[in-house]
Amino acid sequence: MISVRLDKKLEEQLNFYAKEQNIPKSKIIKESLALYFKMLEEKEQKKSAYELGQDLFGKYSSNKGDLSRTYKEKIKEKIRAKNAH
């Protein structure tokens, strides 16, 4: 058994809906909690856009975390190597 304190407005809404639909308040609360926990489970299972594409981003796909800082040096090295042949 659980006791729950509701603010006045929420209690009024619950009473109104229960009376209007002829449904026990406890059933409304149980169904609401079930929906809430289902929503939490779905939220946990969903991955963010970052998590979905993490292996495609430069730092992670190349395993070189300095590419954005050293790109000029990398280009110079490639040009030197090309001109050396």
N, C-alpha and C. Protein backbone atom coordinates (compact mmCIF):
# COMPACT_ATOMS: atom_id res chain seq x y z
N MET A 1 0.85 -1.17 0.00
CA MET A 1 0.00 0.00 0.00
C MET A 1 0.89 1.23 0.00
N ILE A 2 0.56 2.20 -0.83
CA ILE A 2 1.32 3.44 -0.95
C ILE A 2 0.37 4.62 -0.79
N SER A 3 0.82 5.60 -0.05
CA SER A 3 0.07 6.85 0.08
C SER A 3 0.80 7.90 -0.74
N VAL A 4 0.04 8.69 -1.46
CA VAL A 4 0.62 9.73 -2.30
C VAL A 4 -0.07 11.05 -1.99
N ARG A 5 0.72 12.09 -1.80
CA ARG A 5 0.15 13.42 -1.60
C ARG A 5 0.18 14.15 -2.92
N LEU A 6 -0.96 14.67 -3.31
CA LEU A 6 -1.08 15.41 -4.56
C LEU A 6 -1.37 16.87 -4.26
N ASP A 7 -0.89 17.73 -5.15
CA ASP A 7 -1.28 19.14 -4.96
C ASP A 7 -2.77 19.26 -5.31
N LYS A 8 -3.34 20.34 -4.91
CA LYS A 8 -4.80 20.52 -5.02
C LYS A 8 -5.29 20.39 -6.47
N LYS A 9 -4.59 21.04 -7.38
CA LYS A 9 -5.02 21.02 -8.78
C LYS A 9 -4.98 19.60 -9.36
N LEU A 10 -3.91 18.88 -9.07
CA LEU A 10 -3.79 17.51 -9.58
C LEU A 10 -4.85 16.60 -8.98
N GLU A 11 -5.11 16.79 -7.71
CA GLU A 11 -6.16 15.99 -7.06
C GLU A 11 -7.53 16.28 -7.67
N GLU A 12 -7.79 17.54 -7.96
CA GLU A 12 -9.06 17.90 -8.59
C GLU A 12 -9.19 17.29 -9.97
N GLN A 13 -8.10 17.31 -10.73
CA GLN A 13 -8.12 16.71 -12.07
C GLN A 13 -8.36 15.21 -11.98
N LEU A 14 -7.71 14.56 -11.03
CA LEU A 14 -7.89 13.12 -10.84
C LEU A 14 -9.33 12.81 -10.46
N ASN A 15 -9.87 13.55 -9.52
CA ASN A 15 -11.26 13.33 -9.09
C ASN A 15 -12.23 13.56 -10.24
N PHE A 16 -12.02 14.62 -10.99
CA PHE A 16 -12.91 14.93 -12.11
C PHE A 16 -12.87 13.82 -13.16
N TYR A 17 -11.68 13.41 -13.56
CA TYR A 17 -11.55 12.40 -14.60
C TYR A 17 -12.11 11.05 -14.13
N ALA A 18 -11.83 10.68 -12.90
CA ALA A 18 -12.32 9.41 -12.37
C ALA A 18 -13.85 9.39 -12.35
N LYS A 19 -14.43 10.49 -11.93
CA LYS A 19 -15.90 10.57 -11.88
C LYS A 19 -16.48 10.59 -13.29
N GLU A 20 -15.86 11.39 -14.18
CA GLU A 20 -16.36 11.50 -15.55
C GLU A 20 -16.31 10.17 -16.30
N GLN A 21 -15.24 9.43 -16.11
CA GLN A 21 -15.05 8.16 -16.82
C GLN A 21 -15.55 6.96 -16.02
N ASN A 22 -15.99 7.21 -14.80
CA ASN A 22 -16.47 6.14 -13.92
C ASN A 22 -15.38 5.06 -13.74
N ILE A 23 -14.19 5.54 -13.42
CA ILE A 23 -13.02 4.67 -13.23
C ILE A 23 -12.47 4.95 -11.83
N PRO A 24 -12.07 3.92 -11.11
CA PRO A 24 -11.47 4.16 -9.79
C PRO A 24 -10.16 4.96 -9.92
N LYS A 25 -9.94 5.84 -8.96
CA LYS A 25 -8.72 6.66 -8.98
C LYS A 25 -7.47 5.79 -8.95
N SER A 26 -7.53 4.70 -8.22
CA SER A 26 -6.36 3.82 -8.12
C SER A 26 -6.00 3.23 -9.49
N LYS A 27 -7.00 2.94 -10.30
CA LYS A 27 -6.74 2.40 -11.64
C LYS A 27 -6.05 3.46 -12.51
N ILE A 28 -6.51 4.69 -12.41
CA ILE A 28 -5.90 5.78 -13.19
C ILE A 28 -4.44 5.95 -12.77
N ILE A 29 -4.19 5.92 -11.49
CA ILE A 29 -2.83 6.09 -10.98
C ILE A 29 -1.94 4.93 -11.43
N LYS A 30 -2.45 3.71 -11.33
CA LYS A 30 -1.67 2.53 -11.76
C LYS A 30 -1.32 2.62 -13.25
N GLU A 31 -2.30 2.95 -14.07
CA GLU A 31 -2.07 3.06 -15.51
C GLU A 31 -1.10 4.20 -15.83
N SER A 32 -1.21 5.28 -15.10
CA SER A 32 -0.30 6.41 -15.31
C SER A 32 1.13 6.03 -14.97
N LEU A 33 1.31 5.34 -13.86
CA LEU A 33 2.65 4.90 -13.49
C LEU A 33 3.21 3.90 -14.50
N ALA A 34 2.38 3.00 -14.98
CA ALA A 34 2.83 2.03 -15.98
C ALA A 34 3.31 2.74 -17.25
N LEU A 35 2.54 3.74 -17.69
CA LEU A 35 2.94 4.51 -18.87
C LEU A 35 4.22 5.28 -18.63
N TYR A 36 4.36 5.83 -17.44
CA TYR A 36 5.55 6.59 -17.10
C TYR A 36 6.79 5.71 -17.14
N PHE A 37 6.71 4.52 -16.54
CA PHE A 37 7.87 3.63 -16.52
C PHE A 37 8.18 3.09 -17.92
N LYS A 38 7.17 2.87 -18.72
CA LYS A 38 7.38 2.45 -20.11
C LYS A 38 8.13 3.55 -20.86
N MET A 39 7.72 4.79 -20.65
CA MET A 39 8.39 5.92 -21.29
C MET A 39 9.86 6.00 -20.87
N LEU A 40 10.14 5.78 -19.59
CA LEU A 40 11.52 5.81 -19.11
C LEU A 40 12.36 4.71 -19.75
N GLU A 41 11.80 3.53 -19.87
CA GLU A 41 12.52 2.41 -20.50
C GLU A 41 12.83 2.73 -21.96
N GLU A 42 11.86 3.29 -22.67
CA GLU A 42 12.09 3.64 -24.07
C GLU A 42 13.15 4.72 -24.21
N LYS A 43 13.13 5.67 -23.29
CA LYS A 43 14.12 6.74 -23.32
C LYS A 43 15.52 6.19 -23.10
N GLU A 44 15.66 5.23 -22.20
CA GLU A 44 16.96 4.62 -21.92
C GLU A 44 17.46 3.82 -23.12
N GLN A 45 16.55 3.22 -23.87
CA GLN A 45 16.94 2.39 -24.99
C GLN A 45 17.32 3.22 -26.21
N LYS A 46 16.79 4.43 -26.32
CA LYS A 46 17.10 5.28 -27.46
C LYS A 46 18.49 5.85 -27.30
N LYS A 47 19.24 5.82 -28.37
CA LYS A 47 20.56 6.41 -28.36
C LYS A 47 20.49 7.79 -28.97
N SER A 48 21.36 8.65 -28.52
CA SER A 48 21.42 10.00 -29.08
C SER A 48 22.04 9.94 -30.47
N ALA A 49 21.89 11.01 -31.21
CA ALA A 49 22.49 11.08 -32.55
C ALA A 49 24.00 10.92 -32.44
N TYR A 50 24.59 11.48 -31.41
CA TYR A 50 26.03 11.36 -31.21
C TYR A 50 26.43 9.90 -31.00
N GLU A 51 25.69 9.21 -30.15
CA GLU A 51 26.00 7.80 -29.88
C GLU A 51 25.85 6.95 -31.14
N LEU A 52 24.84 7.24 -31.95
CA LEU A 52 24.63 6.47 -33.17
C LEU A 52 25.76 6.69 -34.19
N GLY A 53 26.30 7.90 -34.25
CA GLY A 53 27.31 8.20 -35.27
C GLY A 53 28.72 8.26 -34.75
N GLN A 54 28.92 7.89 -33.50
CA GLN A 54 30.22 8.03 -32.86
C GLN A 54 31.34 7.37 -33.66
N ASP A 55 31.12 6.21 -34.21
CA ASP A 55 32.18 5.53 -34.95
C ASP A 55 32.46 6.17 -36.31
N LEU A 56 31.62 7.11 -36.73
CA LEU A 56 31.80 7.77 -38.02
C LEU A 56 32.51 9.11 -37.90
N PHE A 57 32.63 9.63 -36.71
CA PHE A 57 33.26 10.93 -36.52
C PHE A 57 34.77 10.79 -36.61
N GLY A 58 35.42 11.81 -37.17
CA GLY A 58 36.85 11.79 -37.45
C GLY A 58 37.73 11.28 -36.34
N LYS A 59 37.60 11.82 -35.18
CA LYS A 59 38.46 11.43 -34.07
C LYS A 59 38.33 9.95 -33.76
N TYR A 60 37.12 9.43 -33.86
CA TYR A 60 36.88 8.06 -33.45
C TYR A 60 37.11 7.06 -34.58
N SER A 61 36.84 7.45 -35.81
CA SER A 61 37.02 6.50 -36.90
C SER A 61 38.48 6.31 -37.24
N SER A 62 39.31 7.34 -37.05
CA SER A 62 40.73 7.23 -37.39
C SER A 62 41.58 6.85 -36.19
N ASN A 63 41.02 6.97 -35.01
CA ASN A 63 41.75 6.75 -33.76
C ASN A 63 42.91 7.73 -33.60
N LYS A 64 42.84 8.88 -34.30
CA LYS A 64 43.83 9.94 -34.17
C LYS A 64 43.11 11.17 -33.65
N GLY A 65 43.29 11.46 -32.40
CA GLY A 65 42.55 12.54 -31.77
C GLY A 65 43.07 13.93 -32.07
N ASP A 66 44.17 14.05 -32.82
CA ASP A 66 44.75 15.37 -33.05
C ASP A 66 44.54 15.88 -34.48
N LEU A 67 43.71 15.25 -35.26
CA LEU A 67 43.57 15.61 -36.67
C LEU A 67 43.13 17.06 -36.89
N SER A 68 42.29 17.56 -36.06
CA SER A 68 41.82 18.94 -36.26
C SER A 68 42.91 19.96 -35.94
N ARG A 69 43.89 19.58 -35.14
CA ARG A 69 44.96 20.51 -34.78
C ARG A 69 46.18 20.36 -35.69
N THR A 70 46.37 19.23 -36.31
CA THR A 70 47.60 18.97 -37.08
C THR A 70 47.35 18.78 -38.57
N TYR A 71 46.19 19.20 -39.05
CA TYR A 71 45.87 18.94 -40.45
C TYR A 71 46.83 19.64 -41.41
N LYS A 72 47.31 20.86 -41.06
CA LYS A 72 48.24 21.56 -41.95
C LYS A 72 49.55 20.79 -42.08
N GLU A 73 50.04 20.27 -40.98
CA GLU A 73 51.28 19.49 -41.03
C GLU A 73 51.08 18.21 -41.86
N LYS A 74 49.94 17.58 -41.71
CA LYS A 74 49.65 16.36 -42.46
C LYS A 74 49.62 16.65 -43.96
N ILE A 75 49.04 17.79 -44.35
CA ILE A 75 48.98 18.17 -45.76
C ILE A 75 50.38 18.43 -46.29
N LYS A 76 51.20 19.17 -45.52
CA LYS A 76 52.57 19.45 -45.93
C LYS A 76 53.36 18.16 -46.13
N GLU A 77 53.20 17.21 -45.22
CA GLU A 77 53.89 15.92 -45.33
C GLU A 77 53.49 15.20 -46.62
N LYS A 78 52.20 15.21 -46.93
CA LYS A 78 51.73 14.53 -48.15
C LYS A 78 52.26 15.21 -49.40
N ILE A 79 52.32 16.55 -49.40
CA ILE A 79 52.85 17.27 -50.57
C ILE A 79 54.34 16.98 -50.73
N ARG A 80 55.08 17.01 -49.63
CA ARG A 80 56.53 16.70 -49.68
C ARG A 80 56.75 15.28 -50.21
N ALA A 81 55.96 14.34 -49.70
CA ALA A 81 56.11 12.95 -50.12
C ALA A 81 55.78 12.81 -51.62
N LYS A 82 54.78 13.51 -52.08
CA LYS A 82 54.39 13.45 -53.49
C LYS A 82 55.48 14.04 -54.37
N ASN A 83 56.05 15.18 -53.96
CA ASN A 83 57.09 15.86 -54.74
C ASN A 83 58.43 15.13 -54.67
N ALA A 84 58.62 14.30 -53.67
CA ALA A 84 59.90 13.59 -53.52
C ALA A 84 60.04 12.50 -54.57
N HIS A 85 58.95 12.03 -55.17
CA HIS A 85 59.03 10.94 -56.15
C HIS A 85 59.38 11.43 -57.48
